[in-house]
N, C-alpha and C. Protein backbone atom coordinates (compact mmCIF):
# COMPACT_ATOMS: atom_id res chain seq x y z
N UNK A 1 -17.24 8.28 -19.09
CA UNK A 1 -16.95 9.38 -18.18
C UNK A 1 -15.51 9.28 -17.69
N UNK A 2 -14.79 10.36 -17.72
CA UNK A 2 -13.39 10.39 -17.28
C UNK A 2 -13.34 10.57 -15.77
N UNK A 3 -12.64 9.68 -15.09
CA UNK A 3 -12.46 9.80 -13.65
C UNK A 3 -11.04 10.24 -13.36
N UNK A 4 -10.91 11.31 -12.62
CA UNK A 4 -9.60 11.82 -12.28
C UNK A 4 -8.85 10.81 -11.41
N UNK A 5 -7.61 10.60 -11.74
CA UNK A 5 -6.78 9.71 -10.92
C UNK A 5 -6.60 10.31 -9.54
N UNK A 6 -6.57 9.46 -8.56
CA UNK A 6 -6.38 9.95 -7.20
C UNK A 6 -4.91 9.88 -6.82
N UNK A 7 -4.49 10.72 -5.89
CA UNK A 7 -3.11 10.63 -5.41
C UNK A 7 -2.86 9.26 -4.78
N UNK A 8 -1.71 8.68 -5.07
CA UNK A 8 -1.39 7.36 -4.55
C UNK A 8 -0.02 7.36 -3.88
N UNK A 9 0.18 6.35 -3.05
CA UNK A 9 1.48 6.11 -2.46
C UNK A 9 1.78 4.62 -2.64
N UNK A 10 3.00 4.31 -3.03
CA UNK A 10 3.42 2.93 -3.19
C UNK A 10 3.70 2.32 -1.81
N UNK A 11 3.49 1.02 -1.66
CA UNK A 11 3.70 0.39 -0.36
C UNK A 11 5.08 0.63 0.25
N UNK A 12 6.13 0.55 -0.56
CA UNK A 12 7.47 0.75 -0.02
C UNK A 12 7.65 2.17 0.50
N UNK A 13 7.07 3.15 -0.20
CA UNK A 13 7.17 4.55 0.24
C UNK A 13 6.37 4.76 1.53
N UNK A 14 5.21 4.14 1.61
CA UNK A 14 4.41 4.25 2.83
C UNK A 14 5.14 3.62 4.01
N UNK A 15 5.78 2.49 3.78
CA UNK A 15 6.54 1.84 4.86
C UNK A 15 7.59 2.80 5.42
N UNK A 16 8.25 3.54 4.53
CA UNK A 16 9.23 4.55 4.97
C UNK A 16 8.55 5.65 5.77
N UNK A 17 7.43 6.15 5.28
CA UNK A 17 6.71 7.22 5.96
C UNK A 17 6.24 6.80 7.35
N UNK A 18 5.90 5.53 7.51
CA UNK A 18 5.41 5.05 8.80
C UNK A 18 6.51 4.95 9.84
N UNK A 19 7.75 5.06 9.42
CA UNK A 19 8.88 5.06 10.36
C UNK A 19 9.19 6.46 10.89
N UNK A 20 8.57 7.47 10.29
CA UNK A 20 8.83 8.86 10.67
C UNK A 20 7.93 9.28 11.84
N UNK A 21 8.37 10.29 12.58
CA UNK A 21 7.52 10.80 13.67
C UNK A 21 6.20 11.38 13.17
N UNK A 22 6.22 12.06 12.04
CA UNK A 22 5.01 12.66 11.45
C UNK A 22 4.40 11.68 10.46
N UNK A 23 3.88 10.61 10.98
CA UNK A 23 3.35 9.56 10.12
C UNK A 23 1.92 9.86 9.71
N UNK A 24 1.52 9.39 8.52
CA UNK A 24 0.13 9.62 8.09
C UNK A 24 -0.84 8.77 8.90
N UNK A 25 -2.08 9.20 8.92
CA UNK A 25 -3.15 8.42 9.51
C UNK A 25 -3.59 7.39 8.49
N UNK A 26 -3.60 6.13 8.87
CA UNK A 26 -4.07 5.07 8.00
C UNK A 26 -5.54 4.84 8.26
N UNK A 27 -6.33 4.79 7.20
CA UNK A 27 -7.76 4.50 7.32
C UNK A 27 -8.05 3.28 6.44
N UNK A 28 -8.37 2.18 7.08
CA UNK A 28 -8.67 0.93 6.40
C UNK A 28 -10.17 0.87 6.14
N UNK A 29 -10.57 0.83 4.88
CA UNK A 29 -11.99 0.88 4.52
C UNK A 29 -12.57 -0.50 4.20
N UNK A 30 -11.84 -1.56 4.56
CA UNK A 30 -12.36 -2.91 4.35
C UNK A 30 -13.43 -3.25 5.38
N UNK A 31 -14.12 -4.33 5.15
CA UNK A 31 -15.16 -4.80 6.05
C UNK A 31 -14.53 -5.47 7.28
N UNK A 32 -15.28 -5.54 8.40
CA UNK A 32 -14.73 -6.12 9.63
C UNK A 32 -14.20 -7.54 9.46
N UNK A 33 -14.82 -8.37 8.62
CA UNK A 33 -14.29 -9.73 8.44
C UNK A 33 -12.92 -9.71 7.77
N UNK A 34 -12.64 -8.69 6.97
CA UNK A 34 -11.33 -8.56 6.33
C UNK A 34 -10.29 -8.03 7.31
N UNK A 35 -10.66 -7.02 8.08
CA UNK A 35 -9.68 -6.45 9.03
C UNK A 35 -9.43 -7.40 10.19
N UNK A 36 -10.32 -8.37 10.40
CA UNK A 36 -10.07 -9.38 11.44
C UNK A 36 -8.90 -10.28 11.05
N UNK A 37 -8.65 -10.41 9.75
CA UNK A 37 -7.55 -11.25 9.26
C UNK A 37 -6.22 -10.52 9.39
N UNK A 38 -6.21 -9.24 9.01
CA UNK A 38 -4.99 -8.45 9.10
C UNK A 38 -5.33 -6.98 8.97
N UNK A 39 -4.52 -6.17 9.64
CA UNK A 39 -4.68 -4.72 9.54
C UNK A 39 -3.31 -4.11 9.83
N UNK A 40 -3.02 -3.00 9.20
CA UNK A 40 -1.74 -2.33 9.46
C UNK A 40 -1.78 -1.68 10.84
N UNK A 41 -0.66 -1.63 11.53
CA UNK A 41 -0.62 -1.08 12.89
C UNK A 41 -1.19 0.34 12.95
N UNK A 42 -2.00 0.57 13.95
CA UNK A 42 -2.59 1.88 14.26
C UNK A 42 -3.57 2.37 13.21
N UNK A 43 -4.00 1.50 12.30
CA UNK A 43 -4.98 1.92 11.29
C UNK A 43 -6.34 2.11 11.94
N UNK A 44 -7.02 3.14 11.51
CA UNK A 44 -8.39 3.39 11.91
C UNK A 44 -9.27 2.62 10.94
N UNK A 45 -10.08 1.71 11.44
CA UNK A 45 -10.92 0.88 10.58
C UNK A 45 -12.31 1.51 10.45
N UNK A 46 -12.61 1.97 9.24
CA UNK A 46 -13.91 2.55 8.92
C UNK A 46 -14.37 1.91 7.61
N UNK A 47 -15.30 0.97 7.67
CA UNK A 47 -15.77 0.35 6.43
C UNK A 47 -16.26 1.40 5.44
N UNK A 48 -16.05 1.13 4.17
CA UNK A 48 -16.37 2.06 3.10
C UNK A 48 -17.77 2.66 3.24
N UNK A 49 -18.76 1.83 3.50
CA UNK A 49 -20.14 2.32 3.58
C UNK A 49 -20.37 3.23 4.78
N UNK A 50 -19.51 3.16 5.79
CA UNK A 50 -19.65 3.99 6.99
C UNK A 50 -18.91 5.32 6.88
N UNK A 51 -18.07 5.45 5.88
CA UNK A 51 -17.22 6.63 5.78
C UNK A 51 -18.00 7.95 5.77
N UNK A 52 -19.07 8.09 4.99
CA UNK A 52 -19.78 9.38 5.00
C UNK A 52 -20.29 9.79 6.39
N UNK A 53 -20.68 8.81 7.20
CA UNK A 53 -21.20 9.11 8.53
C UNK A 53 -20.10 9.33 9.57
N UNK A 54 -18.86 9.05 9.21
CA UNK A 54 -17.77 9.15 10.19
C UNK A 54 -16.70 10.17 9.80
N UNK A 55 -17.03 11.07 8.90
CA UNK A 55 -16.07 12.07 8.44
C UNK A 55 -15.49 12.90 9.58
N UNK A 56 -16.29 13.14 10.62
CA UNK A 56 -15.83 13.96 11.74
C UNK A 56 -14.66 13.32 12.48
N UNK A 57 -14.42 12.04 12.28
CA UNK A 57 -13.30 11.36 12.93
C UNK A 57 -11.96 11.61 12.21
N UNK A 58 -12.04 12.19 11.02
CA UNK A 58 -10.84 12.36 10.21
C UNK A 58 -10.36 13.81 10.24
N UNK A 59 -9.08 14.01 10.55
CA UNK A 59 -8.53 15.37 10.59
C UNK A 59 -8.22 15.87 9.17
N UNK A 60 -8.62 17.08 8.89
CA UNK A 60 -8.33 17.65 7.56
C UNK A 60 -6.91 18.20 7.48
N UNK A 61 -6.24 18.35 8.62
CA UNK A 61 -4.91 18.94 8.63
C UNK A 61 -3.79 17.90 8.72
N UNK A 62 -4.11 16.63 8.55
CA UNK A 62 -3.12 15.56 8.65
C UNK A 62 -3.17 14.70 7.39
N UNK A 63 -2.01 14.19 6.99
CA UNK A 63 -1.95 13.27 5.86
C UNK A 63 -2.76 12.01 6.20
N UNK A 64 -3.57 11.58 5.26
CA UNK A 64 -4.38 10.38 5.42
C UNK A 64 -4.09 9.45 4.25
N UNK A 65 -3.87 8.17 4.55
CA UNK A 65 -3.70 7.16 3.50
C UNK A 65 -4.82 6.14 3.68
N UNK A 66 -5.59 5.94 2.61
CA UNK A 66 -6.69 4.99 2.63
C UNK A 66 -6.22 3.65 2.12
N UNK A 67 -6.72 2.58 2.75
CA UNK A 67 -6.25 1.23 2.49
C UNK A 67 -7.45 0.30 2.30
N UNK A 68 -7.34 -0.62 1.33
CA UNK A 68 -8.30 -1.71 1.20
C UNK A 68 -7.52 -2.94 0.70
N UNK A 69 -8.21 -3.91 0.19
CA UNK A 69 -7.55 -5.14 -0.25
C UNK A 69 -6.68 -4.92 -1.48
N UNK A 70 -7.25 -4.28 -2.51
CA UNK A 70 -6.52 -4.14 -3.77
C UNK A 70 -6.27 -2.70 -4.21
N UNK A 71 -6.88 -1.75 -3.52
CA UNK A 71 -6.73 -0.34 -3.88
C UNK A 71 -7.93 0.25 -4.58
N UNK A 72 -8.91 -0.57 -4.96
CA UNK A 72 -10.09 -0.05 -5.67
C UNK A 72 -11.03 0.69 -4.73
N UNK A 73 -11.43 0.04 -3.64
CA UNK A 73 -12.35 0.70 -2.70
C UNK A 73 -11.69 1.92 -2.06
N UNK A 74 -10.44 1.77 -1.67
CA UNK A 74 -9.77 2.90 -1.03
C UNK A 74 -9.55 4.03 -2.04
N UNK A 75 -9.39 3.70 -3.31
CA UNK A 75 -9.30 4.73 -4.34
C UNK A 75 -10.60 5.52 -4.44
N UNK A 76 -11.72 4.81 -4.40
CA UNK A 76 -13.03 5.48 -4.43
C UNK A 76 -13.21 6.35 -3.19
N UNK A 77 -12.76 5.85 -2.04
CA UNK A 77 -12.87 6.62 -0.80
C UNK A 77 -11.95 7.84 -0.82
N UNK A 78 -10.78 7.71 -1.43
CA UNK A 78 -9.88 8.84 -1.58
C UNK A 78 -10.55 9.92 -2.41
N UNK A 79 -11.15 9.51 -3.51
CA UNK A 79 -11.87 10.44 -4.38
C UNK A 79 -13.00 11.13 -3.60
N UNK A 80 -13.74 10.36 -2.81
CA UNK A 80 -14.84 10.90 -2.00
C UNK A 80 -14.32 11.95 -1.02
N UNK A 81 -13.22 11.64 -0.32
CA UNK A 81 -12.67 12.60 0.64
C UNK A 81 -12.20 13.87 -0.04
N UNK A 82 -11.61 13.74 -1.21
CA UNK A 82 -11.21 14.93 -1.98
C UNK A 82 -12.44 15.79 -2.29
N UNK A 83 -13.54 15.16 -2.65
CA UNK A 83 -14.77 15.88 -2.94
C UNK A 83 -15.34 16.56 -1.69
N UNK A 84 -15.00 16.03 -0.53
CA UNK A 84 -15.49 16.59 0.73
C UNK A 84 -14.56 17.67 1.29
N UNK A 85 -13.54 18.03 0.54
CA UNK A 85 -12.65 19.11 0.95
C UNK A 85 -11.37 18.68 1.62
N UNK A 86 -11.13 17.39 1.74
CA UNK A 86 -9.86 16.91 2.28
C UNK A 86 -8.81 17.09 1.19
N UNK A 87 -7.64 17.58 1.55
CA UNK A 87 -6.60 17.83 0.55
C UNK A 87 -5.37 16.96 0.74
N UNK A 88 -5.22 16.35 1.90
CA UNK A 88 -4.02 15.57 2.20
C UNK A 88 -4.36 14.08 2.25
N UNK A 89 -4.97 13.57 1.19
CA UNK A 89 -5.36 12.17 1.15
C UNK A 89 -4.71 11.45 -0.02
N UNK A 90 -4.34 10.19 0.23
CA UNK A 90 -3.75 9.35 -0.81
C UNK A 90 -4.28 7.93 -0.66
N UNK A 91 -4.20 7.21 -1.74
CA UNK A 91 -4.62 5.81 -1.78
C UNK A 91 -3.37 4.94 -1.75
N UNK A 92 -3.42 3.84 -0.98
CA UNK A 92 -2.32 2.88 -1.00
C UNK A 92 -2.44 2.08 -2.29
N UNK A 93 -1.54 2.31 -3.20
CA UNK A 93 -1.56 1.66 -4.52
C UNK A 93 -1.43 0.14 -4.35
N UNK A 94 -2.41 -0.57 -4.87
CA UNK A 94 -2.38 -2.04 -4.80
C UNK A 94 -2.89 -2.60 -3.49
N UNK A 95 -3.21 -1.73 -2.54
CA UNK A 95 -3.80 -2.14 -1.27
C UNK A 95 -2.96 -3.12 -0.46
N UNK A 96 -3.67 -3.88 0.36
CA UNK A 96 -3.00 -4.84 1.25
C UNK A 96 -2.32 -5.95 0.46
N UNK A 97 -2.84 -6.26 -0.72
CA UNK A 97 -2.19 -7.28 -1.55
C UNK A 97 -0.78 -6.83 -1.91
N UNK A 98 -0.65 -5.59 -2.36
CA UNK A 98 0.68 -5.06 -2.72
C UNK A 98 1.56 -4.91 -1.50
N UNK A 99 0.97 -4.50 -0.37
CA UNK A 99 1.74 -4.38 0.87
C UNK A 99 2.34 -5.74 1.25
N UNK A 100 1.51 -6.78 1.20
CA UNK A 100 1.98 -8.12 1.56
C UNK A 100 3.05 -8.62 0.58
N UNK A 101 2.92 -8.29 -0.68
CA UNK A 101 3.91 -8.73 -1.67
C UNK A 101 5.25 -8.03 -1.52
N UNK A 102 5.21 -6.72 -1.20
CA UNK A 102 6.45 -5.94 -1.27
C UNK A 102 7.04 -5.52 0.07
N UNK A 103 6.20 -5.47 1.11
CA UNK A 103 6.69 -4.98 2.41
C UNK A 103 6.69 -6.07 3.47
N UNK A 104 5.60 -6.82 3.58
CA UNK A 104 5.46 -7.81 4.64
C UNK A 104 4.87 -9.10 4.09
N UNK A 105 5.70 -9.97 3.51
CA UNK A 105 5.20 -11.21 2.92
C UNK A 105 4.51 -12.15 3.91
N UNK A 106 4.72 -11.96 5.20
CA UNK A 106 4.08 -12.82 6.21
C UNK A 106 2.65 -12.40 6.52
N UNK A 107 2.25 -11.23 6.04
CA UNK A 107 0.93 -10.69 6.35
C UNK A 107 -0.16 -11.41 5.57
N UNK A 108 -1.13 -12.01 6.27
CA UNK A 108 -2.24 -12.63 5.54
C UNK A 108 -3.17 -11.55 5.00
N UNK A 109 -3.77 -11.80 3.85
CA UNK A 109 -4.69 -10.84 3.25
C UNK A 109 -6.00 -11.55 2.95
N UNK A 110 -7.10 -10.96 3.44
CA UNK A 110 -8.43 -11.54 3.18
C UNK A 110 -9.07 -10.80 2.03
């Protein structure tokens, strides 16, 4: 079965976007034990399994970037949000691992 690629943003580009006044909403879909180790500033933490029940917390009129450890779970969540009618959603390519490698090497990743 062919799965459509989801829109992505590279860590360096997201870092630039987060410096702007109109910054995207970050949604971290990792589990609480993972976000206890590290989380990007101002990220809304909604574990992947809770996302369907918490859709009302997400604005459809704002850019949303989904984040996980490697980009796989957040990619699936990006696809899910697109199916739910969200149009301004992107996946953080490579997840927190890529963020730590390219933007913030001091950031621990669980």
